[in-house]
Amino acid sequence: QVQLVESGGGLVQAGGSLRLSCAVSGRTFSVYGVGWFRQAPGKEREFVAGRRWNDGMTLYADSVKGRFTISRDNAKNTVYLQMNSLKPEDTAVYYCAATWSPRAFSNREYDYWGQGTQVTISS
């Protein structure tokens, strides 16, 4: 099992920045990839960014490319999502996720999920 705990959400004005953190614990040696997803009210959950655990390869949704960066602190087993140039449409609950499967990582179908953290962007 892998446990994920997000933190860092909050209320920010449009154009501002926010950094989300995800503490990863448990069987971290089994993790193949980690990612961030978000779900806005009335909308389906959507993929935001992913990172292969060992070699750092990253993937981004088109809507956040150039604005968001996913990274990992190896010593702390913590994954970050740096969000810059935030827009009101970025408002959502953000979830950290992990998977042990290369196929699941490729398909964006993750196995383990955090509880989510609210991000609200005011215009």
C-alpha atoms as a PDB file:
ATOM      1  CA  GLN A   1       0.000   0.000   0.000  1.00  0.00           C
ATOM      2  CA  VAL A   2       0.981   3.585  -0.651  1.00  0.00           C
ATOM      3  CA  GLN A   3      -0.356   6.525   1.318  1.00  0.00           C
ATOM      4  CA  LEU A   4      -0.611  10.043  -0.053  1.00  0.00           C
ATOM      5  CA  VAL A   5      -1.287  13.221   1.908  1.00  0.00           C
ATOM      6  CA  GLU A   6      -1.731  16.547   0.115  1.00  0.00           C
ATOM      7  CA  SER A   7      -1.247  20.000   1.548  1.00  0.00           C
ATOM      8  CA  GLY A   8      -0.792  23.560   0.372  1.00  0.00           C
ATOM      9  CA  GLY A   9      -4.161  24.453  -1.073  1.00  0.00           C
ATOM     10  CA  GLY A  10      -5.776  27.806  -0.478  1.00  0.00           C
ATOM     11  CA  LEU A  11      -7.218  30.993  -1.920  1.00  0.00           C
ATOM     12  CA  VAL A  12      -5.092  32.968  -4.372  1.00  0.00           C
ATOM     13  CA  GLN A  13      -5.789  35.853  -6.726  1.00  0.00           C
ATOM     14  CA  ALA A  14      -5.604  35.298 -10.456  1.00  0.00           C
ATOM     15  CA  GLY A  15      -2.051  35.599 -11.700  1.00  0.00           C
ATOM     16  CA  GLY A  16      -0.633  34.366  -8.433  1.00  0.00           C
ATOM     17  CA  SER A  17       1.218  31.196  -7.516  1.00  0.00           C
ATOM     18  CA  LEU A  18       0.682  28.272  -5.204  1.00  0.00           C
ATOM     19  CA  ARG A  19       2.675  25.145  -4.420  1.00  0.00           C
ATOM     20  CA  LEU A  20       0.958  21.901  -3.511  1.00  0.00           C
ATOM     21  CA  SER A  21       2.786  19.147  -1.652  1.00  0.00           C
ATOM     22  CA  CYS A  22       2.112  15.422  -1.544  1.00  0.00           C
ATOM     23  CA  ALA A  23       3.826  13.283   1.077  1.00  0.00           C
ATOM     24  CA  VAL A  24       4.242   9.733  -0.209  1.00  0.00           C
ATOM     25  CA  SER A  25       4.691   6.914   2.305  1.00  0.00           C
ATOM     26  CA  GLY A  26       4.362   3.158   2.574  1.00  0.00           C
ATOM     27  CA  ARG A  27       5.665   0.884  -0.179  1.00  0.00           C
ATOM     28  CA  THR A  28       7.321   3.702  -2.103  1.00  0.00           C
ATOM     29  CA  PHE A  29       9.724   1.241  -3.732  1.00  0.00           C
ATOM     30  CA  SER A  30       6.743  -0.072  -5.709  1.00  0.00           C
ATOM     31  CA  VAL A  31       5.766   3.325  -7.109  1.00  0.00           C
ATOM     32  CA  TYR A  32       6.170   3.705 -10.874  1.00  0.00           C
ATOM     33  CA  GLY A  33       4.582   7.104 -11.283  1.00  0.00           C
ATOM     34  CA  VAL A  34       2.897   9.913  -9.388  1.00  0.00           C
ATOM     35  CA  GLY A  35       0.504  12.513 -10.627  1.00  0.00           C
ATOM     36  CA  TRP A  36      -1.850  15.342  -9.876  1.00  0.00           C
ATOM     37  CA  PHE A  37      -5.493  15.452 -10.875  1.00  0.00           C
ATOM     38  CA  ARG A  38      -8.201  18.008 -10.228  1.00  0.00           C
ATOM     39  CA  GLN A  39     -11.951  18.121 -10.077  1.00  0.00           C
ATOM     40  CA  ALA A  40     -13.958  21.291 -10.377  1.00  0.00           C
ATOM     41  CA  PRO A  41     -17.592  21.496  -9.198  1.00  0.00           C
ATOM     42  CA  GLY A  42     -19.902  19.800 -11.663  1.00  0.00           C
ATOM     43  CA  LYS A  43     -17.038  18.505 -13.767  1.00  0.00           C
ATOM     44  CA  GLU A  44     -15.241  15.211 -14.140  1.00  0.00           C
ATOM     45  CA  ARG A  45     -11.856  14.673 -12.593  1.00  0.00           C
ATOM     46  CA  GLU A  46      -9.089  15.539 -15.018  1.00  0.00           C
ATOM     47  CA  PHE A  47      -5.394  14.791 -15.312  1.00  0.00           C
ATOM     48  CA  VAL A  48      -3.070  17.705 -14.582  1.00  0.00           C
ATOM     49  CA  ALA A  49       0.496  16.385 -14.442  1.00  0.00           C
ATOM     50  CA  GLY A  50       2.419  13.150 -13.998  1.00  0.00           C
ATOM     51  CA  ARG A  51       5.966  12.204 -13.170  1.00  0.00           C
ATOM     52  CA  ARG A  52       7.741   8.884 -13.484  1.00  0.00           C
ATOM     53  CA  TRP A  53       9.078   8.094 -10.020  1.00  0.00           C
ATOM     54  CA  ASN A  54      12.627   7.078 -10.862  1.00  0.00           C
ATOM     55  CA  ASP A  55      13.752   8.940 -13.974  1.00  0.00           C
ATOM     56  CA  GLY A  56      11.679  12.089 -13.624  1.00  0.00           C
ATOM     57  CA  MET A  57       9.941  12.005 -16.999  1.00  0.00           C
ATOM     58  CA  THR A  58       6.983  14.383 -16.829  1.00  0.00           C
ATOM     59  CA  LEU A  59       3.647  14.775 -18.566  1.00  0.00           C
ATOM     60  CA  TYR A  60       1.281  17.748 -18.494  1.00  0.00           C
ATOM     61  CA  ALA A  61      -2.226  18.531 -19.582  1.00  0.00           C
ATOM     62  CA  ASP A  62      -2.296  21.120 -22.345  1.00  0.00           C
ATOM     63  CA  SER A  63      -4.238  23.489 -20.115  1.00  0.00           C
ATOM     64  CA  VAL A  64      -1.373  23.773 -17.624  1.00  0.00           C
ATOM     65  CA  LYS A  65       1.741  23.418 -19.803  1.00  0.00           C
ATOM     66  CA  GLY A  66       4.179  26.221 -19.174  1.00  0.00           C
ATOM     67  CA  ARG A  67       2.394  27.238 -15.967  1.00  0.00           C
ATOM     68  CA  PHE A  68       2.572  24.162 -13.717  1.00  0.00           C
ATOM     69  CA  THR A  69       5.605  22.069 -12.776  1.00  0.00           C
ATOM     70  CA  ILE A  70       5.600  18.682 -11.080  1.00  0.00           C
ATOM     71  CA  SER A  71       8.713  17.763  -9.139  1.00  0.00           C
ATOM     72  CA  ARG A  72       9.939  15.402  -6.477  1.00  0.00           C
ATOM     73  CA  ASP A  73      12.142  15.747  -3.424  1.00  0.00           C
ATOM     74  CA  ASN A  74      13.792  12.336  -3.281  1.00  0.00           C
ATOM     75  CA  ALA A  75      15.007  12.691   0.289  1.00  0.00           C
ATOM     76  CA  LYS A  76      11.559  13.599   1.578  1.00  0.00           C
ATOM     77  CA  ASN A  77       9.508  11.346  -0.712  1.00  0.00           C
ATOM     78  CA  THR A  78       7.428  14.402  -1.425  1.00  0.00           C
ATOM     79  CA  VAL A  79       5.949  15.401  -4.757  1.00  0.00           C
ATOM     80  CA  TYR A  80       5.185  19.041  -5.524  1.00  0.00           C
ATOM     81  CA  LEU A  81       2.986  20.854  -7.970  1.00  0.00           C
ATOM     82  CA  GLN A  82       4.188  24.402  -8.517  1.00  0.00           C
ATOM     83  CA  MET A  83       1.373  26.406 -10.026  1.00  0.00           C
ATOM     84  CA  ASN A  84       2.083  29.813 -11.566  1.00  0.00           C
ATOM     85  CA  SER A  85      -0.013  32.305 -13.510  1.00  0.00           C
ATOM     86  CA  LEU A  86      -3.117  30.872 -11.916  1.00  0.00           C
ATOM     87  CA  LYS A  87      -6.494  31.417 -13.524  1.00  0.00           C
ATOM     88  CA  PRO A  88     -10.019  31.234 -12.091  1.00  0.00           C
ATOM     89  CA  GLU A  89     -10.569  28.097 -14.196  1.00  0.00           C
ATOM     90  CA  ASP A  90      -7.828  26.383 -12.175  1.00  0.00           C
ATOM     91  CA  THR A  91     -10.194  26.371  -9.204  1.00  0.00           C
ATOM     92  CA  ALA A  92     -10.750  22.765  -8.145  1.00  0.00           C
ATOM     93  CA  VAL A  93      -9.985  20.111  -5.582  1.00  0.00           C
ATOM     94  CA  TYR A  94      -6.519  18.835  -6.402  1.00  0.00           C
ATOM     95  CA  TYR A  95      -5.646  15.203  -5.786  1.00  0.00           C
ATOM     96  CA  CYS A  96      -2.287  13.510  -5.613  1.00  0.00           C
ATOM     97  CA  ALA A  97      -2.154   9.969  -6.990  1.00  0.00           C
ATOM     98  CA  ALA A  98       0.312   7.139  -7.482  1.00  0.00           C
ATOM     99  CA  THR A  99       0.535   3.914  -9.438  1.00  0.00           C
ATOM    100  CA  TRP A 100       2.805   0.878  -9.553  1.00  0.00           C
ATOM    101  CA  SER A 101       1.876   0.082 -13.146  1.00  0.00           C
ATOM    102  CA  PRO A 102       3.572   1.459 -16.273  1.00  0.00           C
ATOM    103  CA  ARG A 103       0.351   0.858 -18.222  1.00  0.00           C
ATOM    104  CA  ALA A 104      -1.753   2.645 -15.628  1.00  0.00           C
ATOM    105  CA  PHE A 105       0.686   5.556 -15.654  1.00  0.00           C
ATOM    106  CA  SER A 106       0.446   5.768 -19.439  1.00  0.00           C
ATOM    107  CA  ASN A 107      -3.356   5.512 -19.321  1.00  0.00           C
ATOM    108  CA  ARG A 108      -3.602   7.936 -16.392  1.00  0.00           C
ATOM    109  CA  GLU A 109      -5.453   5.346 -14.335  1.00  0.00           C
ATOM    110  CA  TYR A 110      -3.850   5.543 -10.921  1.00  0.00           C
ATOM    111  CA  ASP A 111      -4.167   3.131  -8.015  1.00  0.00           C
ATOM    112  CA  TYR A 112      -3.656   5.223  -4.892  1.00  0.00           C
ATOM    113  CA  TRP A 113      -5.214   8.573  -4.069  1.00  0.00           C
ATOM    114  CA  GLY A 114      -4.901  11.292  -1.488  1.00  0.00           C
ATOM    115  CA  GLN A 115      -7.814  13.049   0.148  1.00  0.00           C
ATOM    116  CA  GLY A 116      -7.544  16.199  -1.944  1.00  0.00           C
ATOM    117  CA  THR A 117      -6.836  19.851  -1.239  1.00  0.00           C
ATOM    118  CA  GLN A 118      -8.964  22.805  -2.311  1.00  0.00           C
ATOM    119  CA  VAL A 119      -7.485  25.441  -4.590  1.00  0.00           C
ATOM    120  CA  THR A 120      -9.567  28.550  -5.225  1.00  0.00           C
ATOM    121  CA  ILE A 121      -8.511  31.291  -7.627  1.00  0.00           C
ATOM    122  CA  SER A 122     -10.317  34.613  -7.369  1.00  0.00           C
ATOM    123  CA  SER A 123     -10.666  36.918 -10.354  1.00  0.00           C
END
